[in-house]
Amino acid sequence: MKYSYLGRSGLKVSQLCLGTMNFGVDTDEQEAFRIMDAALDAGINFFDTANIYGWGENSGRTEEIIGRWFAQGGNRREKTVLATKFYGDMHDANDGPNRDGGLSAYKLRRHLDASLRRLQTDHIELYQMHHVDRNVSWDELWEAFQVPVYQGKIGYVGSSNFAGRDLVKAQYEAKSRHLLGLVSEQHKYSLLCRLPELEVLPAAEELGIGVIAWSPLDGGLLGGNALNPVSGSKRASNPERVEKHRAKLEAFSALCKELGESEANVALAWTLVHPAMTAPIIGPRTLEQFENTLRVVDIQLDASTLSKLDEIFPGPGGDAPRAYAW
């Protein structure tokens, strides 16, 4: 496994981040345990989750599974750089009118403490805001974050789904308080979703914020099975998206065949080419799927291959403002 610093922090994380969104939903607990054990054995130390995973009335289930895995001992917790997120509705009637999605000092305190209980740990290395909330001031947020940081409950603060302007604002306000600010931004980025190249990725690179790519296979479309989906799979239930991108997917599959690599691994390796990228999130449902991704960090895409990928999946034309101005 290869490792990178998380943004401008001194924390080293694996260049593949294990996403746990399927745990407790499409992946049962024992299979989730096997995947997490295999991840540590392979050198993947970076695990990402969120308090809402499990979804709906089952929100929190995924964190509970990870907590029970930690409770087995064997230095599992000590070896893991743990990241979780807060923002959404946790279906707790006690939250009253504060139950809806958002960020606030109230939600940060309550949701952090609840995540710590479910995860059976006393600290989280990376605590992330799952979405921006422009109704909440940075005066409130940075003051609220300082408390658990000083208490040792949080190591670093990260964001997710922030626009470029939100990253700039967050870092400006943090610097004015002599705080480190954000060390990471988790953002949707894939061959089929290159819009972040306009604003978010350049802003993150300039500000020293490490980017973590979520949905790097674009919901499985770039995973290699979209053109011939198995009956009952997510791809089979979404034929409209497949047809919309069929020509691109066929060209991509042909290129991957020439390279002798799977579509999923090429798509994941491509995200790592951008200098702002720390790690793509892999979201295996089975141990076999996990094992098939491990060679991603060893794949080197040459200039010719990158040019061909640009032809198949055109980006926005560069970063701002060059993409839309002279």
C-alpha atoms as a PDB file:
ATOM      1  CA  MET A   1       0.000   0.000   0.000  1.00  0.00           C
ATOM      2  CA  LYS A   2       1.071   3.581  -0.625  1.00  0.00           C
ATOM      3  CA  TYR A   3       0.384   6.466   1.726  1.00  0.00           C
ATOM      4  CA  SER A   4      -0.122  10.223   1.489  1.00  0.00           C
ATOM      5  CA  TYR A   5      -0.369  13.022   4.001  1.00  0.00           C
ATOM      6  CA  LEU A   6      -3.959  14.092   4.574  1.00  0.00           C
ATOM      7  CA  GLY A   7      -3.886  17.626   3.213  1.00  0.00           C
ATOM      8  CA  ARG A   8      -1.391  19.797   5.062  1.00  0.00           C
ATOM      9  CA  SER A   9      -1.689  17.712   8.215  1.00  0.00           C
ATOM     10  CA  GLY A  10       1.021  15.352   9.400  1.00  0.00           C
ATOM     11  CA  LEU A  11      -1.376  12.402   9.298  1.00  0.00           C
ATOM     12  CA  LYS A  12      -0.511   9.650   6.813  1.00  0.00           C
ATOM     13  CA  VAL A  13      -3.380   7.714   5.264  1.00  0.00           C
ATOM     14  CA  SER A  14      -3.568   4.969   2.669  1.00  0.00           C
ATOM     15  CA  GLN A  15      -4.184   6.023  -0.936  1.00  0.00           C
ATOM     16  CA  LEU A  16      -7.297   3.849  -0.893  1.00  0.00           C
ATOM     17  CA  CYS A  17      -9.981   4.734   1.642  1.00  0.00           C
ATOM     18  CA  LEU A  18     -12.339   1.960   2.736  1.00  0.00           C
ATOM     19  CA  GLY A  19     -15.917   3.180   2.462  1.00  0.00           C
ATOM     20  CA  THR A  20     -18.431   1.437   4.696  1.00  0.00           C
ATOM     21  CA  MET A  21     -21.732   2.703   3.300  1.00  0.00           C
ATOM     22  CA  ASN A  22     -22.825  -0.834   2.351  1.00  0.00           C
ATOM     23  CA  PHE A  23     -22.182  -2.308   5.802  1.00  0.00           C
ATOM     24  CA  GLY A  24     -25.456  -3.290   7.411  1.00  0.00           C
ATOM     25  CA  VAL A  25     -27.348  -2.630   4.177  1.00  0.00           C
ATOM     26  CA  ASP A  26     -26.015  -4.768   1.306  1.00  0.00           C
ATOM     27  CA  THR A  27     -23.222  -6.336   3.371  1.00  0.00           C
ATOM     28  CA  ASP A  28     -23.927  -8.311   6.523  1.00  0.00           C
ATOM     29  CA  GLU A  29     -21.888  -7.874   9.670  1.00  0.00           C
ATOM     30  CA  GLN A  30     -19.647 -10.915   9.307  1.00  0.00           C
ATOM     31  CA  GLU A  31     -18.718 -10.034   5.726  1.00  0.00           C
ATOM     32  CA  ALA A  32     -18.062  -6.455   6.848  1.00  0.00           C
ATOM     33  CA  PHE A  33     -15.713  -7.810   9.539  1.00  0.00           C
ATOM     34  CA  ARG A  34     -13.849  -9.872   6.933  1.00  0.00           C
ATOM     35  CA  ILE A  35     -13.497  -6.861   4.639  1.00  0.00           C
ATOM     36  CA  MET A  36     -12.180  -4.620   7.422  1.00  0.00           C
ATOM     37  CA  ASP A  37      -9.704  -7.262   8.589  1.00  0.00           C
ATOM     38  CA  ALA A  38      -8.509  -7.733   5.008  1.00  0.00           C
ATOM     39  CA  ALA A  39      -8.140  -3.976   4.628  1.00  0.00           C
ATOM     40  CA  LEU A  40      -5.823  -3.723   7.629  1.00  0.00           C
ATOM     41  CA  ASP A  41      -3.864  -6.751   6.415  1.00  0.00           C
ATOM     42  CA  ALA A  42      -3.421  -5.027   3.037  1.00  0.00           C
ATOM     43  CA  GLY A  43      -2.165  -1.823   4.662  1.00  0.00           C
ATOM     44  CA  ILE A  44      -5.351   0.220   4.244  1.00  0.00           C
ATOM     45  CA  ASN A  45      -5.576   2.272   7.425  1.00  0.00           C
ATOM     46  CA  PHE A  46      -8.131   4.888   6.281  1.00  0.00           C
ATOM     47  CA  PHE A  47     -11.792   3.992   6.968  1.00  0.00           C
ATOM     48  CA  ASP A  48     -14.702   6.317   6.181  1.00  0.00           C
ATOM     49  CA  THR A  49     -18.246   6.156   7.495  1.00  0.00           C
ATOM     50  CA  ALA A  50     -21.104   8.496   8.490  1.00  0.00           C
ATOM     51  CA  ASN A  51     -23.632   8.590  11.282  1.00  0.00           C
ATOM     52  CA  ILE A  52     -26.550   8.246   8.835  1.00  0.00           C
ATOM     53  CA  TYR A  53     -25.222   5.057   7.177  1.00  0.00           C
ATOM     54  CA  GLY A  54     -27.701   2.263   7.668  1.00  0.00           C
ATOM     55  CA  TRP A  55     -30.198   4.837   6.430  1.00  0.00           C
ATOM     56  CA  GLY A  56     -33.613   5.963   7.629  1.00  0.00           C
ATOM     57  CA  GLU A  57     -34.737   4.372  10.848  1.00  0.00           C
ATOM     58  CA  ASN A  58     -31.545   2.258  10.742  1.00  0.00           C
ATOM     59  CA  SER A  59     -29.249   5.286  10.726  1.00  0.00           C
ATOM     60  CA  GLY A  60     -26.249   4.540  12.918  1.00  0.00           C
ATOM     61  CA  ARG A  61     -26.183   0.819  12.133  1.00  0.00           C
ATOM     62  CA  THR A  62     -22.948   1.033  10.138  1.00  0.00           C
ATOM     63  CA  GLU A  63     -21.117   2.831  12.942  1.00  0.00           C
ATOM     64  CA  GLU A  64     -22.390   0.150  15.351  1.00  0.00           C
ATOM     65  CA  ILE A  65     -20.928  -2.589  13.142  1.00  0.00           C
ATOM     66  CA  ILE A  66     -17.566  -0.822  13.081  1.00  0.00           C
ATOM     67  CA  GLY A  67     -17.756  -0.411  16.855  1.00  0.00           C
ATOM     68  CA  ARG A  68     -18.318  -4.121  17.373  1.00  0.00           C
ATOM     69  CA  TRP A  69     -15.406  -4.825  15.038  1.00  0.00           C
ATOM     70  CA  PHE A  70     -13.168  -2.541  17.112  1.00  0.00           C
ATOM     71  CA  ALA A  71     -14.379  -4.268  20.296  1.00  0.00           C
ATOM     72  CA  GLN A  72     -12.760  -7.530  19.153  1.00  0.00           C
ATOM     73  CA  GLY A  73      -9.410  -6.028  20.046  1.00  0.00           C
ATOM     74  CA  GLY A  74      -6.271  -7.053  18.222  1.00  0.00           C
ATOM     75  CA  ASN A  75      -5.232  -3.377  17.909  1.00  0.00           C
ATOM     76  CA  ARG A  76      -7.940  -2.852  15.306  1.00  0.00           C
ATOM     77  CA  ARG A  77      -8.782   0.586  16.640  1.00  0.00           C
ATOM     78  CA  GLU A  78      -5.153   1.610  17.058  1.00  0.00           C
ATOM     79  CA  LYS A  79      -4.352   0.694  13.438  1.00  0.00           C
ATOM     80  CA  THR A  80      -7.313   2.581  11.966  1.00  0.00           C
ATOM     81  CA  VAL A  81      -7.511   6.210  10.919  1.00  0.00           C
ATOM     82  CA  LEU A  82     -11.232   6.652  11.479  1.00  0.00           C
ATOM     83  CA  ALA A  83     -13.353   9.210   9.660  1.00  0.00           C
ATOM     84  CA  THR A  84     -17.049   9.801  10.172  1.00  0.00           C
ATOM     85  CA  LYS A  85     -19.502  12.551   9.249  1.00  0.00           C
ATOM     86  CA  PHE A  86     -22.494  14.446  10.622  1.00  0.00           C
ATOM     87  CA  TYR A  87     -25.230  16.638   9.138  1.00  0.00           C
ATOM     88  CA  GLY A  88     -28.299  14.537   8.427  1.00  0.00           C
ATOM     89  CA  ASP A  89     -31.465  13.590  10.264  1.00  0.00           C
ATOM     90  CA  MET A  90     -30.713  10.790  12.748  1.00  0.00           C
ATOM     91  CA  HIS A  91     -34.433  10.155  13.359  1.00  0.00           C
ATOM     92  CA  ASP A  92     -34.081  11.052  17.027  1.00  0.00           C
ATOM     93  CA  ALA A  93     -37.356  12.504  18.289  1.00  0.00           C
ATOM     94  CA  ASN A  94     -35.441  14.204  21.105  1.00  0.00           C
ATOM     95  CA  ASP A  95     -33.869  16.538  18.537  1.00  0.00           C
ATOM     96  CA  GLY A  96     -37.244  18.176  17.999  1.00  0.00           C
ATOM     97  CA  PRO A  97     -37.055  21.015  15.469  1.00  0.00           C
ATOM     98  CA  ASN A  98     -33.281  20.525  15.282  1.00  0.00           C
ATOM     99  CA  ARG A  99     -33.765  17.090  13.779  1.00  0.00           C
ATOM    100  CA  ASP A 100     -33.502  18.197  10.145  1.00  0.00           C
ATOM    101  CA  GLY A 101     -30.200  18.145   8.281  1.00  0.00           C
ATOM    102  CA  GLY A 102     -27.756  20.913   9.108  1.00  0.00           C
ATOM    103  CA  LEU A 103     -24.720  22.024  11.064  1.00  0.00           C
ATOM    104  CA  SER A 104     -24.786  23.731  14.437  1.00  0.00           C
ATOM    105  CA  ALA A 105     -22.977  23.617  17.748  1.00  0.00           C
ATOM    106  CA  TYR A 106     -25.984  21.703  19.087  1.00  0.00           C
ATOM    107  CA  LYS A 107     -25.841  19.038  16.391  1.00  0.00           C
ATOM    108  CA  LEU A 108     -22.063  18.763  16.502  1.00  0.00           C
ATOM    109  CA  ARG A 109     -22.037  18.012  20.235  1.00  0.00           C
ATOM    110  CA  ARG A 110     -24.975  15.593  20.201  1.00  0.00           C
ATOM    111  CA  HIS A 111     -24.021  13.741  17.043  1.00  0.00           C
ATOM    112  CA  LEU A 112     -20.343  13.472  17.925  1.00  0.00           C
ATOM    113  CA  ASP A 113     -21.078  11.944  21.318  1.00  0.00           C
ATOM    114  CA  ALA A 114     -23.578   9.532  19.755  1.00  0.00           C
ATOM    115  CA  SER A 115     -21.069   8.459  17.088  1.00  0.00           C
ATOM    116  CA  LEU A 116     -18.411   7.849  19.729  1.00  0.00           C
ATOM    117  CA  ARG A 117     -20.818   5.572  21.620  1.00  0.00           C
ATOM    118  CA  ARG A 118     -21.764   3.605  18.522  1.00  0.00           C
ATOM    119  CA  LEU A 119     -18.151   3.310  17.369  1.00  0.00           C
ATOM    120  CA  GLN A 120     -17.018   2.240  20.869  1.00  0.00           C
ATOM    121  CA  THR A 121     -14.114   4.667  20.866  1.00  0.00           C
ATOM    122  CA  ASP A 122     -13.138   7.849  22.681  1.00  0.00           C
ATOM    123  CA  HIS A 123     -11.845   9.725  19.649  1.00  0.00           C
ATOM    124  CA  ILE A 124     -12.261  10.154  15.892  1.00  0.00           C
ATOM    125  CA  GLU A 125      -9.281  11.083  13.764  1.00  0.00           C
ATOM    126  CA  LEU A 126     -11.296  12.958  11.108  1.00  0.00           C
ATOM    127  CA  TYR A 127     -14.707  14.458  11.873  1.00  0.00           C
ATOM    128  CA  GLN A 128     -16.378  15.712   8.709  1.00  0.00           C
ATOM    129  CA  MET A 129     -19.278  18.010   7.963  1.00  0.00           C
ATOM    130  CA  HIS A 130     -21.340  15.942   5.534  1.00  0.00           C
ATOM    131  CA  HIS A 131     -22.691  18.980   3.701  1.00  0.00           C
ATOM    132  CA  VAL A 132     -22.406  22.746   3.810  1.00  0.00           C
ATOM    133  CA  ASP A 133     -24.955  24.715   5.853  1.00  0.00           C
ATOM    134  CA  ARG A 134     -24.878  28.370   4.900  1.00  0.00           C
ATOM    135  CA  ASN A 135     -27.402  29.197   7.647  1.00  0.00           C
ATOM    136  CA  VAL A 136     -24.695  28.595  10.249  1.00  0.00           C
ATOM    137  CA  SER A 137     -21.815  31.020  10.746  1.00  0.00           C
ATOM    138  CA  TRP A 138     -18.175  30.028  10.935  1.00  0.00           C
ATOM    139  CA  ASP A 139     -18.061  31.886  14.242  1.00  0.00           C
ATOM    140  CA  GLU A 140     -20.369  29.213  15.609  1.00  0.00           C
ATOM    141  CA  LEU A 141     -18.730  26.275  13.837  1.00  0.00           C
ATOM    142  CA  TRP A 142     -15.072  26.933  14.571  1.00  0.00           C
ATOM    143  CA  GLU A 143     -15.855  27.758  18.210  1.00  0.00           C
ATOM    144  CA  ALA A 144     -17.859  24.534  18.493  1.00  0.00           C
ATOM    145  CA  PHE A 145     -15.138  22.426  16.860  1.00  0.00           C
ATOM    146  CA  GLN A 146     -12.432  23.756  19.175  1.00  0.00           C
ATOM    147  CA  VAL A 147     -14.061  22.172  22.232  1.00  0.00           C
ATOM    148  CA  PRO A 148     -13.879  18.483  21.132  1.00  0.00           C
ATOM    149  CA  VAL A 149     -10.474  19.091  19.531  1.00  0.00           C
ATOM    150  CA  TYR A 150      -9.117  20.338  22.874  1.00  0.00           C
ATOM    151  CA  GLN A 151     -10.882  17.450  24.643  1.00  0.00           C
ATOM    152  CA  GLY A 152      -9.138  14.962  22.350  1.00  0.00           C
ATOM    153  CA  LYS A 153     -12.392  13.675  20.864  1.00  0.00           C
ATOM    154  CA  ILE A 154     -11.471  14.930  17.378  1.00  0.00           C
ATOM    155  CA  GLY A 155      -8.082  14.971  15.713  1.00  0.00           C
ATOM    156  CA  TYR A 156      -8.871  16.901  12.535  1.00  0.00           C
ATOM    157  CA  VAL A 157     -11.829  18.596  10.876  1.00  0.00           C
ATOM    158  CA  GLY A 158     -12.935  17.834   7.326  1.00  0.00           C
ATOM    159  CA  SER A 159     -15.744  18.789   4.987  1.00  0.00           C
ATOM    160  CA  SER A 160     -17.806  17.048   2.332  1.00  0.00           C
ATOM    161  CA  ASN A 161     -19.780  18.401  -0.621  1.00  0.00           C
ATOM    162  CA  PHE A 162     -18.406  21.928  -0.138  1.00  0.00           C
ATOM    163  CA  ALA A 163     -18.106  24.318  -3.069  1.00  0.00           C
ATOM    164  CA  GLY A 164     -14.805  26.030  -3.782  1.00  0.00           C
ATOM    165  CA  ARG A 165     -16.057  29.264  -2.176  1.00  0.00           C
ATOM    166  CA  ASP A 166     -17.009  27.351   0.972  1.00  0.00           C
ATOM    167  CA  LEU A 167     -13.499  25.932   1.277  1.00  0.00           C
ATOM    168  CA  VAL A 168     -11.994  29.400   0.897  1.00  0.00           C
ATOM    169  CA  LYS A 169     -14.370  30.887   3.475  1.00  0.00           C
ATOM    170  CA  ALA A 170     -13.713  28.077   5.970  1.00  0.00           C
ATOM    171  CA  GLN A 171      -9.949  28.470   5.730  1.00  0.00           C
ATOM    172  CA  TYR A 172     -10.076  32.263   5.885  1.00  0.00           C
ATOM    173  CA  GLU A 173     -12.146  32.143   9.050  1.00  0.00           C
ATOM    174  CA  ALA A 174      -9.931  29.442  10.569  1.00  0.00           C
ATOM    175  CA  LYS A 175      -6.738  31.386   9.851  1.00  0.00           C
ATOM    176  CA  SER A 176      -8.195  34.485  11.505  1.00  0.00           C
ATOM    177  CA  ARG A 177      -8.560  32.377  14.670  1.00  0.00           C
ATOM    178  CA  HIS A 178      -5.083  30.798  14.320  1.00  0.00           C
ATOM    179  CA  LEU A 179      -6.640  27.375  13.701  1.00  0.00           C
ATOM    180  CA  LEU A 180      -5.517  24.658  11.295  1.00  0.00           C
ATOM    181  CA  GLY A 181      -8.935  24.624   9.642  1.00  0.00           C
ATOM    182  CA  LEU A 182     -10.019  21.942   7.199  1.00  0.00           C
ATOM    183  CA  VAL A 183      -7.556  19.196   6.276  1.00  0.00           C
ATOM    184  CA  SER A 184      -9.825  17.389   3.819  1.00  0.00           C
ATOM    185  CA  GLU A 185     -12.788  17.732   1.485  1.00  0.00           C
ATOM    186  CA  GLN A 186     -14.759  14.645   0.484  1.00  0.00           C
ATOM    187  CA  HIS A 187     -16.234  15.287  -2.943  1.00  0.00           C
ATOM    188  CA  LYS A 188     -17.929  13.421  -5.778  1.00  0.00           C
ATOM    189  CA  TYR A 189     -15.332  12.941  -8.513  1.00  0.00           C
ATOM    190  CA  SER A 190     -15.066  10.431 -11.338  1.00  0.00           C
ATOM    191  CA  LEU A 191     -14.473  10.140 -15.068  1.00  0.00           C
ATOM    192  CA  LEU A 192     -18.191  10.836 -15.471  1.00  0.00           C
ATOM    193  CA  CYS A 193     -18.199  13.704 -12.959  1.00  0.00           C
ATOM    194  CA  ARG A 194     -15.300  16.067 -13.655  1.00  0.00           C
ATOM    195  CA  LEU A 195     -16.971  19.342 -12.680  1.00  0.00           C
ATOM    196  CA  PRO A 196     -14.814  19.630  -9.513  1.00  0.00           C
ATOM    197  CA  GLU A 197     -11.840  20.335 -11.775  1.00  0.00           C
ATOM    198  CA  LEU A 198     -13.251  23.845 -12.349  1.00  0.00           C
ATOM    199  CA  GLU A 199     -13.224  25.175  -8.790  1.00  0.00           C
ATOM    200  CA  VAL A 200     -13.089  22.616  -5.973  1.00  0.00           C
ATOM    201  CA  LEU A 201      -9.905  20.742  -6.851  1.00  0.00           C
ATOM    202  CA  PRO A 202      -7.835  23.863  -7.640  1.00  0.00           C
ATOM    203  CA  ALA A 203      -9.061  25.541  -4.455  1.00  0.00           C
ATOM    204  CA  ALA A 204      -8.274  22.464  -2.363  1.00  0.00           C
ATOM    205  CA  GLU A 205      -4.801  22.140  -3.867  1.00  0.00           C
ATOM    206  CA  GLU A 206      -3.975  25.798  -3.250  1.00  0.00           C
ATOM    207  CA  LEU A 207      -5.321  25.711   0.313  1.00  0.00           C
ATOM    208  CA  GLY A 208      -3.593  22.451   1.257  1.00  0.00           C
ATOM    209  CA  ILE A 209      -6.835  20.512   1.640  1.00  0.00           C
ATOM    210  CA  GLY A 210      -6.632  16.828   0.738  1.00  0.00           C
ATOM    211  CA  VAL A 211      -9.470  15.608  -1.480  1.00  0.00           C
ATOM    212  CA  ILE A 212     -11.184  12.277  -0.887  1.00  0.00           C
ATOM    213  CA  ALA A 213     -13.203  11.135  -3.903  1.00  0.00           C
ATOM    214  CA  TRP A 214     -16.602   9.632  -3.219  1.00  0.00           C
ATOM    215  CA  SER A 215     -18.438   7.651  -5.895  1.00  0.00           C
ATOM    216  CA  PRO A 216     -15.289   7.329  -8.056  1.00  0.00           C
ATOM    217  CA  LEU A 217     -17.100   4.618 -10.037  1.00  0.00           C
ATOM    218  CA  ASP A 218     -20.163   6.865 -10.408  1.00  0.00           C
ATOM    219  CA  GLY A 219     -22.606   4.564  -8.709  1.00  0.00           C
ATOM    220  CA  GLY A 220     -21.077   1.512 -10.405  1.00  0.00           C
ATOM    221  CA  LEU A 221     -21.366   2.745 -14.001  1.00  0.00           C
ATOM    222  CA  LEU A 222     -17.585   2.650 -14.339  1.00  0.00           C
ATOM    223  CA  GLY A 223     -17.267  -0.695 -12.586  1.00  0.00           C
ATOM    224  CA  GLY A 224     -17.272  -2.842 -15.701  1.00  0.00           C
ATOM    225  CA  ASN A 225     -20.642  -4.570 -15.325  1.00  0.00           C
ATOM    226  CA  ALA A 226     -22.957  -1.746 -16.333  1.00  0.00           C
ATOM    227  CA  LEU A 227     -23.236  -2.848 -19.970  1.00  0.00           C
ATOM    228  CA  ASN A 228     -24.189  -6.388 -18.952  1.00  0.00           C
ATOM    229  CA  PRO A 229     -25.822  -6.027 -15.538  1.00  0.00           C
ATOM    230  CA  VAL A 230     -26.765  -8.988 -13.429  1.00  0.00           C
ATOM    231  CA  SER A 231     -30.500  -9.299 -12.912  1.00  0.00           C
ATOM    232  CA  GLY A 232     -31.554  -7.569  -9.701  1.00  0.00           C
ATOM    233  CA  SER A 233     -28.416  -5.430  -9.461  1.00  0.00           C
ATOM    234  CA  LYS A 234     -28.482  -1.658  -9.092  1.00  0.00           C
ATOM    235  CA  ARG A 235     -27.275  -1.288 -12.677  1.00  0.00           C
ATOM    236  CA  ALA A 236     -30.108  -3.453 -13.948  1.00  0.00           C
ATOM    237  CA  SER A 237     -32.613  -1.187 -12.203  1.00  0.00           C
ATOM    238  CA  ASN A 238     -31.215   1.956 -13.824  1.00  0.00           C
ATOM    239  CA  PRO A 239     -31.064   1.249 -17.575  1.00  0.00           C
ATOM    240  CA  GLU A 240     -31.688   4.896 -18.517  1.00  0.00           C
ATOM    241  CA  ARG A 241     -28.315   6.021 -17.160  1.00  0.00           C
ATOM    242  CA  VAL A 242     -26.559   3.123 -18.838  1.00  0.00           C
ATOM    243  CA  GLU A 243     -28.089   3.989 -22.213  1.00  0.00           C
ATOM    244  CA  LYS A 244     -27.238   7.654 -21.767  1.00  0.00           C
ATOM    245  CA  HIS A 245     -23.551   6.820 -21.390  1.00  0.00           C
ATOM    246  CA  ARG A 246     -23.403   3.613 -23.463  1.00  0.00           C
ATOM    247  CA  ALA A 247     -21.037   4.935 -26.150  1.00  0.00           C
ATOM    248  CA  LYS A 248     -18.593   6.236 -23.543  1.00  0.00           C
ATOM    249  CA  LEU A 249     -18.763   3.047 -21.505  1.00  0.00           C
ATOM    250  CA  GLU A 250     -18.135   0.881 -24.562  1.00  0.00           C
ATOM    251  CA  ALA A 251     -15.114   2.961 -25.553  1.00  0.00           C
ATOM    252  CA  PHE A 252     -13.842   2.858 -21.973  1.00  0.00           C
ATOM    253  CA  SER A 253     -14.184  -0.927 -21.787  1.00  0.00           C
ATOM    254  CA  ALA A 254     -12.271  -1.304 -25.051  1.00  0.00           C
ATOM    255  CA  LEU A 255      -9.437   0.897 -23.733  1.00  0.00           C
ATOM    256  CA  CYS A 256      -9.254  -1.027 -20.464  1.00  0.00           C
ATOM    257  CA  LYS A 257      -9.058  -4.283 -22.382  1.00  0.00           C
ATOM    258  CA  GLU A 258      -6.054  -2.880 -24.293  1.00  0.00           C
ATOM    259  CA  LEU A 259      -4.438  -1.941 -20.981  1.00  0.00           C
ATOM    260  CA  GLY A 260      -5.146  -5.358 -19.475  1.00  0.00           C
ATOM    261  CA  GLU A 261      -6.824  -3.780 -16.471  1.00  0.00           C
ATOM    262  CA  SER A 262     -10.382  -3.824 -15.150  1.00  0.00           C
ATOM    263  CA  GLU A 263     -12.596  -0.811 -15.739  1.00  0.00           C
ATOM    264  CA  ALA A 264     -13.014  -0.268 -12.004  1.00  0.00           C
ATOM    265  CA  ASN A 265      -9.289  -0.216 -11.339  1.00  0.00           C
ATOM    266  CA  VAL A 266      -8.545   2.170 -14.201  1.00  0.00           C
ATOM    267  CA  ALA A 267     -11.302   4.526 -13.043  1.00  0.00           C
ATOM    268  CA  LEU A 268      -9.948   4.486  -9.487  1.00  0.00           C
ATOM    269  CA  ALA A 269      -6.331   4.918 -10.591  1.00  0.00           C
ATOM    270  CA  TRP A 270      -7.358   7.891 -12.729  1.00  0.00           C
ATOM    271  CA  THR A 271      -8.630   9.819  -9.685  1.00  0.00           C
ATOM    272  CA  LEU A 272      -5.199   9.537  -8.063  1.00  0.00           C
ATOM    273  CA  VAL A 273      -3.563  11.381 -10.954  1.00  0.00           C
ATOM    274  CA  HIS A 274      -4.853  14.762  -9.787  1.00  0.00           C
ATOM    275  CA  PRO A 275      -2.337  16.388  -7.391  1.00  0.00           C
ATOM    276  CA  ALA A 276      -5.065  17.443  -4.939  1.00  0.00           C
ATOM    277  CA  MET A 277      -6.255  13.860  -4.484  1.00  0.00           C
ATOM    278  CA  THR A 278      -5.483  11.958  -1.295  1.00  0.00           C
ATOM    279  CA  ALA A 279      -7.568   8.838  -1.890  1.00  0.00           C
ATOM    280  CA  PRO A 280     -10.645   7.562  -3.658  1.00  0.00           C
ATOM    281  CA  ILE A 281     -13.204   5.785  -1.517  1.00  0.00           C
ATOM    282  CA  ILE A 282     -13.755   2.149  -2.406  1.00  0.00           C
ATOM    283  CA  GLY A 283     -17.108   0.721  -1.334  1.00  0.00           C
ATOM    284  CA  PRO A 284     -16.932  -3.059  -1.628  1.00  0.00           C
ATOM    285  CA  ARG A 285     -19.981  -5.138  -0.826  1.00  0.00           C
ATOM    286  CA  THR A 286     -17.971  -8.377  -0.708  1.00  0.00           C
ATOM    287  CA  LEU A 287     -14.458  -9.474   0.193  1.00  0.00           C
ATOM    288  CA  GLU A 288     -13.864 -10.473  -3.436  1.00  0.00           C
ATOM    289  CA  GLN A 289     -14.711  -6.977  -4.647  1.00  0.00           C
ATOM    290  CA  PHE A 290     -12.332  -5.539  -2.077  1.00  0.00           C
ATOM    291  CA  GLU A 291      -9.449  -7.809  -3.068  1.00  0.00           C
ATOM    292  CA  ASN A 292      -9.863  -6.884  -6.727  1.00  0.00           C
ATOM    293  CA  THR A 293      -9.130  -3.212  -5.980  1.00  0.00           C
ATOM    294  CA  LEU A 294      -5.821  -3.582  -4.172  1.00  0.00           C
ATOM    295  CA  ARG A 295      -3.598  -3.152  -7.234  1.00  0.00           C
ATOM    296  CA  VAL A 296      -5.069   0.270  -8.011  1.00  0.00           C
ATOM    297  CA  VAL A 297      -2.205   2.138  -6.306  1.00  0.00           C
ATOM    298  CA  ASP A 298       0.319   0.341  -8.529  1.00  0.00           C
ATOM    299  CA  ILE A 299      -1.353   1.250 -11.822  1.00  0.00           C
ATOM    300  CA  GLN A 300       0.498   3.983 -13.709  1.00  0.00           C
ATOM    301  CA  LEU A 301      -1.523   5.683 -16.448  1.00  0.00           C
ATOM    302  CA  ASP A 302       0.792   7.188 -19.045  1.00  0.00           C
ATOM    303  CA  ALA A 303       0.197  10.427 -20.944  1.00  0.00           C
ATOM    304  CA  SER A 304      -1.216   8.606 -23.967  1.00  0.00           C
ATOM    305  CA  THR A 305      -3.773   6.737 -21.844  1.00  0.00           C
ATOM    306  CA  LEU A 306      -4.773   9.908 -20.003  1.00  0.00           C
ATOM    307  CA  SER A 307      -5.283  11.644 -23.365  1.00  0.00           C
ATOM    308  CA  LYS A 308      -7.528   8.809 -24.540  1.00  0.00           C
ATOM    309  CA  LEU A 309      -9.539   9.010 -21.322  1.00  0.00           C
ATOM    310  CA  ASP A 310      -9.970  12.751 -21.875  1.00  0.00           C
ATOM    311  CA  GLU A 311     -11.345  12.017 -25.340  1.00  0.00           C
ATOM    312  CA  ILE A 312     -13.857   9.513 -23.971  1.00  0.00           C
ATOM    313  CA  PHE A 313     -14.778  11.526 -20.876  1.00  0.00           C
ATOM    314  CA  PRO A 314     -14.139  15.215 -21.649  1.00  0.00           C
ATOM    315  CA  GLY A 315     -13.570  17.392 -18.619  1.00  0.00           C
ATOM    316  CA  PRO A 316     -14.773  20.975 -18.181  1.00  0.00           C
ATOM    317  CA  GLY A 317     -11.855  22.246 -20.222  1.00  0.00           C
ATOM    318  CA  GLY A 318      -9.502  23.215 -17.434  1.00  0.00           C
ATOM    319  CA  ASP A 319      -9.840  25.091 -14.178  1.00  0.00           C
ATOM    320  CA  ALA A 320     -11.609  28.400 -13.689  1.00  0.00           C
ATOM    321  CA  PRO A 321     -11.607  30.864 -15.334  1.00  0.00           C
ATOM    322  CA  ARG A 322      -9.732  29.362 -18.270  1.00  0.00           C
ATOM    323  CA  ALA A 323     -12.483  26.817 -18.868  1.00  0.00           C
ATOM    324  CA  TYR A 324     -15.013  29.493 -19.679  1.00  0.00           C
ATOM    325  CA  ALA A 325     -13.019  32.597 -20.530  1.00  0.00           C
ATOM    326  CA  TRP A 326     -10.161  33.562 -22.834  1.00  0.00           C
END
